[in-house]
PDB file of N, CA and C in Angstrom:
ATOM      1  N   UNK A   1       0.306  -8.534  26.673  1.00  0.00           N
ATOM      2  CA  UNK A   1       0.483  -7.507  27.209  1.00  0.00           C
ATOM      3  C   UNK A   1       0.972  -6.362  26.307  1.00  0.00           C
ATOM      4  N   UNK A   2       0.038  -4.908  26.149  1.00  0.00           N
ATOM      5  CA  UNK A   2       0.344  -4.091  25.622  1.00  0.00           C
ATOM      6  C   UNK A   2       0.704  -3.081  26.369  1.00  0.00           C
ATOM      7  N   UNK A   3       2.173  -2.072  25.454  1.00  0.00           N
ATOM      8  CA  UNK A   3       2.598  -1.282  25.694  1.00  0.00           C
ATOM      9  C   UNK A   3       2.074   0.183  24.809  1.00  0.00           C
ATOM     10  N   UNK A   4       1.494   1.130  26.129  1.00  0.00           N
ATOM     11  CA  UNK A   4       1.195   1.889  25.278  1.00  0.00           C
ATOM     12  C   UNK A   4       2.126   3.048  25.572  1.00  0.00           C
ATOM     13  N   UNK A   5       2.290   4.246  25.286  1.00  0.00           N
ATOM     14  CA  UNK A   5       3.152   5.773  25.369  1.00  0.00           C
ATOM     15  C   UNK A   5       2.041   6.640  25.833  1.00  0.00           C
ATOM     16  N   UNK A   6       2.712   7.350  27.044  1.00  0.00           N
ATOM     17  CA  UNK A   6       2.003   8.181  27.587  1.00  0.00           C
ATOM     18  C   UNK A   6       3.270   9.640  27.865  1.00  0.00           C
ATOM     19  N   UNK A   7       2.712  10.103  26.868  1.00  0.00           N
ATOM     20  CA  UNK A   7       3.925  11.666  27.081  1.00  0.00           C
ATOM     21  C   UNK A   7       4.221  12.179  28.458  1.00  0.00           C
ATOM     22  N   UNK A   8       5.409  12.596  29.089  1.00  0.00           N
ATOM     23  CA  UNK A   8       5.302  12.886  30.454  1.00  0.00           C
ATOM     24  C   UNK A   8       5.610  14.841  30.487  1.00  0.00           C
ATOM     25  N   UNK A   9       5.679  15.213  29.264  1.00  0.00           N
ATOM     26  CA  UNK A   9       6.044  16.591  29.351  1.00  0.00           C
ATOM     27  C   UNK A   9       6.101  17.102  28.094  1.00  0.00           C
ATOM     28  N   UNK A  10       6.347  18.109  27.686  1.00  0.00           N
ATOM     29  CA  UNK A  10       6.721  19.173  26.678  1.00  0.00           C
ATOM     30  C   UNK A  10       5.902  19.148  26.073  1.00  0.00           C
ATOM     31  N   UNK A  11       5.895  19.337  24.381  1.00  0.00           N
ATOM     32  CA  UNK A  11       4.969  19.745  23.367  1.00  0.00           C
ATOM     33  C   UNK A  11       3.599  19.085  23.134  1.00  0.00           C
ATOM     34  N   UNK A  12       3.598  17.569  23.397  1.00  0.00           N
ATOM     35  CA  UNK A  12       2.896  16.999  23.748  1.00  0.00           C
ATOM     36  C   UNK A  12       1.934  16.334  24.878  1.00  0.00           C
ATOM     37  N   UNK A  13       2.550  17.153  25.637  1.00  0.00           N
ATOM     38  CA  UNK A  13       1.824  17.006  27.081  1.00  0.00           C
ATOM     39  C   UNK A  13       0.033  17.052  27.090  1.00  0.00           C
ATOM     40  N   UNK A  14       0.183  15.737  27.456  1.00  0.00           N
ATOM     41  CA  UNK A  14      -1.693  15.873  27.747  1.00  0.00           C
ATOM     42  C   UNK A  14      -2.357  14.899  26.775  1.00  0.00           C
ATOM     43  N   UNK A  15      -1.485  14.665  25.678  1.00  0.00           N
ATOM     44  CA  UNK A  15      -1.646  13.572  24.507  1.00  0.00           C
ATOM     45  C   UNK A  15      -1.199  12.310  24.568  1.00  0.00           C
ATOM     46  N   UNK A  16      -2.414  11.216  24.561  1.00  0.00           N
ATOM     47  CA  UNK A  16      -2.080   9.640  25.149  1.00  0.00           C
ATOM     48  C   UNK A  16      -2.420   9.036  23.798  1.00  0.00           C
ATOM     49  N   UNK A  17      -1.288   8.159  23.401  1.00  0.00           N
ATOM     50  CA  UNK A  17      -1.268   7.471  22.350  1.00  0.00           C
ATOM     51  C   UNK A  17      -2.506   5.875  23.101  1.00  0.00           C
ATOM     52  N   UNK A  18      -3.317   5.141  22.779  1.00  0.00           N
ATOM     53  CA  UNK A  18      -3.962   4.487  23.103  1.00  0.00           C
ATOM     54  C   UNK A  18      -3.818   2.831  22.517  1.00  0.00           C
ATOM     55  N   UNK A  19      -2.931   2.804  21.162  1.00  0.00           N
ATOM     56  CA  UNK A  19      -2.780   1.970  20.859  1.00  0.00           C
ATOM     57  C   UNK A  19      -1.152   1.526  21.016  1.00  0.00           C
ATOM     58  N   UNK A  20      -0.621   0.174  20.893  1.00  0.00           N
ATOM     59  CA  UNK A  20       0.500  -0.315  21.436  1.00  0.00           C
ATOM     60  C   UNK A  20       1.207   0.187  20.436  1.00  0.00           C
ATOM     61  N   UNK A  21       2.507   0.677  20.937  1.00  0.00           N
ATOM     62  CA  UNK A  21       3.608   1.071  20.155  1.00  0.00           C
ATOM     63  C   UNK A  21       4.383  -0.368  19.734  1.00  0.00           C
ATOM     64  N   UNK A  22       4.731  -1.107  20.339  1.00  0.00           N
ATOM     65  CA  UNK A  22       5.077  -2.834  20.207  1.00  0.00           C
ATOM     66  C   UNK A  22       4.416  -3.965  20.293  1.00  0.00           C
ATOM     67  N   UNK A  23       4.528  -4.794  19.606  1.00  0.00           N
ATOM     68  CA  UNK A  23       3.261  -5.751  19.758  1.00  0.00           C
ATOM     69  C   UNK A  23       3.995  -7.427  19.649  1.00  0.00           C
ATOM     70  N   UNK A  24       3.874  -8.030  20.509  1.00  0.00           N
ATOM     71  CA  UNK A  24       4.280  -9.345  20.321  1.00  0.00           C
ATOM     72  C   UNK A  24       3.982 -10.455  19.537  1.00  0.00           C
ATOM     73  N   UNK A  25       4.534 -11.899  19.263  1.00  0.00           N
ATOM     74  CA  UNK A  25       3.794 -12.442  18.005  1.00  0.00           C
ATOM     75  C   UNK A  25       2.396 -12.500  18.167  1.00  0.00           C
ATOM     76  N   UNK A  26       2.064 -13.118  19.752  1.00  0.00           N
ATOM     77  CA  UNK A  26       1.066 -13.578  19.712  1.00  0.00           C
ATOM     78  C   UNK A  26      -0.053 -12.136  18.966  1.00  0.00           C
ATOM     79  N   UNK A  27       0.032 -10.731  19.201  1.00  0.00           N
ATOM     80  CA  UNK A  27      -0.592  -9.543  19.022  1.00  0.00           C
ATOM     81  C   UNK A  27      -0.915 -10.228  17.564  1.00  0.00           C
ATOM     82  N   UNK A  28       0.779  -9.845  17.105  1.00  0.00           N
ATOM     83  CA  UNK A  28       0.871  -9.553  15.486  1.00  0.00           C
ATOM     84  C   UNK A  28       0.080 -10.791  14.576  1.00  0.00           C
ATOM     85  N   UNK A  29       0.114 -12.165  15.208  1.00  0.00           N
ATOM     86  CA  UNK A  29      -0.902 -13.449  14.664  1.00  0.00           C
ATOM     87  C   UNK A  29      -2.058 -12.899  14.881  1.00  0.00           C
ATOM     88  N   UNK A  30      -2.675 -12.333  16.193  1.00  0.00           N
ATOM     89  CA  UNK A  30      -4.344 -12.150  15.603  1.00  0.00           C
ATOM     90  C   UNK A  30      -4.576 -11.283  14.613  1.00  0.00           C
ATOM     91  N   UNK A  31      -3.572 -10.242  14.679  1.00  0.00           N
ATOM     92  CA  UNK A  31      -3.742  -9.065  13.902  1.00  0.00           C
ATOM     93  C   UNK A  31      -3.793  -9.466  11.814  1.00  0.00           C
ATOM     94  N   UNK A  32      -2.933 -10.495  11.875  1.00  0.00           N
ATOM     95  CA  UNK A  32      -2.990 -10.993  10.468  1.00  0.00           C
ATOM     96  C   UNK A  32      -3.989 -12.671  10.355  1.00  0.00           C
ATOM     97  N   UNK A  33      -4.750 -12.567  11.240  1.00  0.00           N
ATOM     98  CA  UNK A  33      -5.375 -14.006  11.544  1.00  0.00           C
ATOM     99  C   UNK A  33      -4.167 -15.019  11.338  1.00  0.00           C
ATOM    100  N   UNK A  34      -3.282 -15.249  11.842  1.00  0.00           N
ATOM    101  CA  UNK A  34      -2.625 -16.296  11.696  1.00  0.00           C
ATOM    102  C   UNK A  34      -1.595 -17.070  12.829  1.00  0.00           C
ATOM    103  N   UNK A  35      -1.177 -17.911  12.778  1.00  0.00           N
ATOM    104  CA  UNK A  35      -0.466 -18.484  13.714  1.00  0.00           C
ATOM    105  C   UNK A  35       1.068 -18.000  13.912  1.00  0.00           C
ATOM    106  N   UNK A  36       1.178 -18.190  15.385  1.00  0.00           N
ATOM    107  CA  UNK A  36       2.890 -17.394  15.818  1.00  0.00           C
ATOM    108  C   UNK A  36       3.588 -17.997  14.959  1.00  0.00           C
ATOM    109  N   UNK A  37       3.486 -19.562  14.405  1.00  0.00           N
ATOM    110  CA  UNK A  37       4.901 -19.634  13.574  1.00  0.00           C
ATOM    111  C   UNK A  37       4.653 -19.142  12.511  1.00  0.00           C
ATOM    112  N   UNK A  38       3.661 -19.089  11.792  1.00  0.00           N
ATOM    113  CA  UNK A  38       3.520 -17.984  10.458  1.00  0.00           C
ATOM    114  C   UNK A  38       4.043 -16.807  10.587  1.00  0.00           C
ATOM    115  N   UNK A  39       3.929 -15.857  11.392  1.00  0.00           N
ATOM    116  CA  UNK A  39       4.090 -14.640  11.820  1.00  0.00           C
ATOM    117  C   UNK A  39       5.824 -15.013  11.466  1.00  0.00           C
ATOM    118  N   UNK A  40       6.667 -16.413  12.402  1.00  0.00           N
ATOM    119  CA  UNK A  40       8.310 -16.085  12.318  1.00  0.00           C
ATOM    120  C   UNK A  40       8.539 -16.540  10.876  1.00  0.00           C
ATOM    121  N   UNK A  41       7.885 -17.290  10.482  1.00  0.00           N
ATOM    122  CA  UNK A  41       7.981 -18.109   9.268  1.00  0.00           C
ATOM    123  C   UNK A  41       7.959 -16.739   8.437  1.00  0.00           C
ATOM    124  N   UNK A  42       7.160 -15.803   7.857  1.00  0.00           N
ATOM    125  CA  UNK A  42       7.001 -14.781   7.304  1.00  0.00           C
ATOM    126  C   UNK A  42       8.514 -13.725   7.329  1.00  0.00           C
ATOM    127  N   UNK A  43       8.541 -13.346   8.792  1.00  0.00           N
ATOM    128  CA  UNK A  43       9.668 -12.684   9.146  1.00  0.00           C
ATOM    129  C   UNK A  43      11.165 -12.907   8.502  1.00  0.00           C
ATOM    130  N   UNK A  44      10.952 -14.218   8.945  1.00  0.00           N
ATOM    131  CA  UNK A  44      12.589 -14.986   8.484  1.00  0.00           C
ATOM    132  C   UNK A  44      12.460 -15.102   7.060  1.00  0.00           C
ATOM    133  N   UNK A  45      11.531 -14.545   6.167  1.00  0.00           N
ATOM    134  CA  UNK A  45      11.771 -14.906   4.701  1.00  0.00           C
ATOM    135  C   UNK A  45      11.839 -13.545   3.878  1.00  0.00           C
ATOM    136  N   UNK A  46      11.636 -12.441   5.063  1.00  0.00           N
ATOM    137  CA  UNK A  46      11.376 -11.421   4.736  1.00  0.00           C
ATOM    138  C   UNK A  46      10.170 -11.239   3.905  1.00  0.00           C
ATOM    139  N   UNK A  47       8.920 -11.467   4.397  1.00  0.00           N
ATOM    140  CA  UNK A  47       8.129 -10.941   3.709  1.00  0.00           C
ATOM    141  C   UNK A  47       7.310 -10.218   4.378  1.00  0.00           C
ATOM    142  N   UNK A  48       7.740  -9.777   5.841  1.00  0.00           N
ATOM    143  CA  UNK A  48       6.961  -8.873   6.269  1.00  0.00           C
ATOM    144  C   UNK A  48       7.899  -7.620   7.196  1.00  0.00           C
ATOM    145  N   UNK A  49       7.495  -6.904   7.923  1.00  0.00           N
ATOM    146  CA  UNK A  49       8.175  -5.840   8.069  1.00  0.00           C
ATOM    147  C   UNK A  49       9.238  -6.600   9.575  1.00  0.00           C
ATOM    148  N   UNK A  50      10.328  -6.387   9.659  1.00  0.00           N
ATOM    149  CA  UNK A  50      11.142  -6.879  10.301  1.00  0.00           C
ATOM    150  C   UNK A  50      11.037  -6.457  11.730  1.00  0.00           C
ATOM    151  N   UNK A  51      11.361  -7.463  13.026  1.00  0.00           N
ATOM    152  CA  UNK A  51      10.848  -7.172  14.132  1.00  0.00           C
ATOM    153  C   UNK A  51      12.114  -6.403  14.999  1.00  0.00           C
ATOM    154  N   UNK A  52      11.999  -5.763  15.736  1.00  0.00           N
ATOM    155  CA  UNK A  52      12.975  -5.363  16.969  1.00  0.00           C
ATOM    156  C   UNK A  52      13.188  -6.196  17.784  1.00  0.00           C
ATOM    157  N   UNK A  53      14.431  -6.429  18.119  1.00  0.00           N
ATOM    158  CA  UNK A  53      14.973  -7.585  18.939  1.00  0.00           C
ATOM    159  C   UNK A  53      15.461  -6.577  19.891  1.00  0.00           C
ATOM    160  N   UNK A  54      14.773  -6.690  21.602  1.00  0.00           N
ATOM    161  CA  UNK A  54      14.958  -6.546  22.658  1.00  0.00           C
ATOM    162  C   UNK A  54      15.751  -7.196  23.584  1.00  0.00           C
ATOM    163  N   UNK A  55      16.864  -7.792  23.540  1.00  0.00           N
ATOM    164  CA  UNK A  55      17.631  -8.919  23.987  1.00  0.00           C
ATOM    165  C   UNK A  55      16.933 -10.349  23.737  1.00  0.00           C
ATOM    166  N   UNK A  56      16.037 -10.680  24.580  1.00  0.00           N
ATOM    167  CA  UNK A  56      15.259 -11.804  24.379  1.00  0.00           C
ATOM    168  C   UNK A  56      13.743 -11.665  23.865  1.00  0.00           C
ATOM    169  N   UNK A  57      13.513 -10.364  23.766  1.00  0.00           N
ATOM    170  CA  UNK A  57      12.378  -9.707  23.208  1.00  0.00           C
ATOM    171  C   UNK A  57      12.291 -10.007  21.951  1.00  0.00           C
ATOM    172  N   UNK A  58      11.226 -10.590  21.233  1.00  0.00           N
ATOM    173  CA  UNK A  58      11.273 -10.120  19.784  1.00  0.00           C
ATOM    174  C   UNK A  58       9.705  -9.093  19.616  1.00  0.00           C
ATOM    175  N   UNK A  59       9.659  -8.171  19.188  1.00  0.00           N
ATOM    176  CA  UNK A  59       8.475  -6.728  19.078  1.00  0.00           C
ATOM    177  C   UNK A  59       8.162  -6.622  17.403  1.00  0.00           C
ATOM    178  N   UNK A  60       7.265  -6.341  17.145  1.00  0.00           N
ATOM    179  CA  UNK A  60       6.764  -5.606  15.504  1.00  0.00           C
ATOM    180  C   UNK A  60       6.394  -4.295  16.355  1.00  0.00           C
ATOM    181  N   UNK A  61       6.967  -2.993  15.416  1.00  0.00           N
ATOM    182  CA  UNK A  61       6.348  -1.736  15.121  1.00  0.00           C
ATOM    183  C   UNK A  61       5.040  -2.345  14.538  1.00  0.00           C
ATOM    184  N   UNK A  62       3.767  -1.664  15.940  1.00  0.00           N
ATOM    185  CA  UNK A  62       2.471  -1.656  15.185  1.00  0.00           C
ATOM    186  C   UNK A  62       2.403  -0.751  13.885  1.00  0.00           C
ATOM    187  N   UNK A  63       3.088   0.496  14.133  1.00  0.00           N
ATOM    188  CA  UNK A  63       2.516   1.677  12.608  1.00  0.00           C
ATOM    189  C   UNK A  63       3.313   0.681  11.637  1.00  0.00           C
ATOM    190  N   UNK A  64       4.431  -0.082  11.811  1.00  0.00           N
ATOM    191  CA  UNK A  64       4.932  -0.211  10.560  1.00  0.00           C
ATOM    192  C   UNK A  64       4.010  -1.825   9.691  1.00  0.00           C
ATOM    193  N   UNK A  65       3.401  -2.641  10.844  1.00  0.00           N
ATOM    194  CA  UNK A  65       2.765  -3.464  10.385  1.00  0.00           C
ATOM    195  C   UNK A  65       1.508  -2.904   9.955  1.00  0.00           C
ATOM    196  N   UNK A  66       0.368  -1.593  10.577  1.00  0.00           N
ATOM    197  CA  UNK A  66      -0.407  -1.254   9.690  1.00  0.00           C
ATOM    198  C   UNK A  66       0.012  -0.836   8.478  1.00  0.00           C
ATOM    199  N   UNK A  67       0.957   0.205   8.494  1.00  0.00           N
ATOM    200  CA  UNK A  67       1.503  -0.010   7.294  1.00  0.00           C
ATOM    201  C   UNK A  67       1.529  -0.572   6.467  1.00  0.00           C
ATOM    202  N   UNK A  68       1.927  -1.765   6.316  1.00  0.00           N
ATOM    203  CA  UNK A  68       2.288  -2.648   5.598  1.00  0.00           C
ATOM    204  C   UNK A  68       1.039  -3.698   5.699  1.00  0.00           C
ATOM    205  N   UNK A  69       0.224  -3.642   5.917  1.00  0.00           N
ATOM    206  CA  UNK A  69      -1.388  -4.095   5.778  1.00  0.00           C
ATOM    207  C   UNK A  69      -2.252  -3.144   5.175  1.00  0.00           C
ATOM    208  N   UNK A  70      -1.793  -1.896   5.207  1.00  0.00           N
ATOM    209  CA  UNK A  70      -2.642  -1.024   4.581  1.00  0.00           C
ATOM    210  C   UNK A  70      -2.373  -0.721   2.788  1.00  0.00           C
ATOM    211  N   UNK A  71      -1.035  -1.475   2.984  1.00  0.00           N
ATOM    212  CA  UNK A  71      -0.178  -1.299   1.315  1.00  0.00           C
ATOM    213  C   UNK A  71      -0.792  -2.537   0.233  1.00  0.00           C
ATOM    214  N   UNK A  72      -1.383  -3.539   1.298  1.00  0.00           N
ATOM    215  CA  UNK A  72      -1.863  -5.083   1.177  1.00  0.00           C
ATOM    216  C   UNK A  72      -0.713  -6.139   0.789  1.00  0.00           C
ATOM    217  N   UNK A  73       0.069  -5.731   2.452  1.00  0.00           N
ATOM    218  CA  UNK A  73       1.154  -6.918   2.529  1.00  0.00           C
ATOM    219  C   UNK A  73       2.476  -7.171   1.508  1.00  0.00           C
ATOM    220  N   UNK A  74       3.180  -6.044   0.815  1.00  0.00           N
ATOM    221  CA  UNK A  74       3.840  -6.478  -0.304  1.00  0.00           C
ATOM    222  C   UNK A  74       5.434  -7.157   0.503  1.00  0.00           C
ATOM    223  N   UNK A  75       5.651  -7.844  -0.024  1.00  0.00           N
ATOM    224  CA  UNK A  75       7.375  -8.319   0.269  1.00  0.00           C
ATOM    225  C   UNK A  75       8.249  -7.525   0.483  1.00  0.00           C
ATOM    226  N   UNK A  76       8.898  -7.793   1.569  1.00  0.00           N
ATOM    227  CA  UNK A  76       9.831  -6.987   2.175  1.00  0.00           C
ATOM    228  C   UNK A  76      10.960  -7.928   1.974  1.00  0.00           C
ATOM    229  N   UNK A  77      12.128  -6.747   1.307  1.00  0.00           N
ATOM    230  CA  UNK A  77      13.403  -7.500   1.525  1.00  0.00           C
ATOM    231  C   UNK A  77      14.392  -7.397   2.328  1.00  0.00           C
ATOM    232  N   UNK A  78      15.123  -8.449   2.799  1.00  0.00           N
ATOM    233  CA  UNK A  78      15.779  -8.793   3.776  1.00  0.00           C
ATOM    234  C   UNK A  78      17.069  -7.595   3.616  1.00  0.00           C
ATOM    235  N   UNK A  79      17.735  -6.679   4.432  1.00  0.00           N
ATOM    236  CA  UNK A  79      18.659  -6.070   4.052  1.00  0.00           C
ATOM    237  C   UNK A  79      18.438  -5.029   3.067  1.00  0.00           C
ATOM    238  N   UNK A  80      17.527  -4.903   2.649  1.00  0.00           N
ATOM    239  CA  UNK A  80      17.249  -3.725   1.685  1.00  0.00           C
ATOM    240  C   UNK A  80      16.518  -2.591   1.877  1.00  0.00           C
ATOM    241  N   UNK A  81      15.663  -2.302   0.990  1.00  0.00           N
ATOM    242  CA  UNK A  81      14.566  -1.334   0.970  1.00  0.00           C
ATOM    243  C   UNK A  81      13.827  -1.471   2.381  1.00  0.00           C
ATOM    244  N   UNK A  82      13.129  -0.393   3.089  1.00  0.00           N
ATOM    245  CA  UNK A  82      12.202  -1.126   4.108  1.00  0.00           C
ATOM    246  C   UNK A  82      10.459  -1.297   3.218  1.00  0.00           C
ATOM    247  N   UNK A  83       9.511  -1.886   4.078  1.00  0.00           N
ATOM    248  CA  UNK A  83       8.540  -1.779   3.399  1.00  0.00           C
ATOM    249  C   UNK A  83       7.784  -0.568   3.386  1.00  0.00           C
TER     250      UNK A  83
END
């Protein structure tokens, strides 16, 4: 399931974002051509952007992942600087 953002009013009224804002592990794995386990492993080791935890749900910000991939997938430090 993909989440998309539709503004309901204000300055951005009428603008629709067609790309998902948050991605689940399967979507991230597909984006990286890797397994779900590899995504969790990279995340746990601090080698990719950290996920957003919404209760029991784990999601990654699509923008952060695209920026990370565009930058050549640099290692991210846990508790330190962002990617």
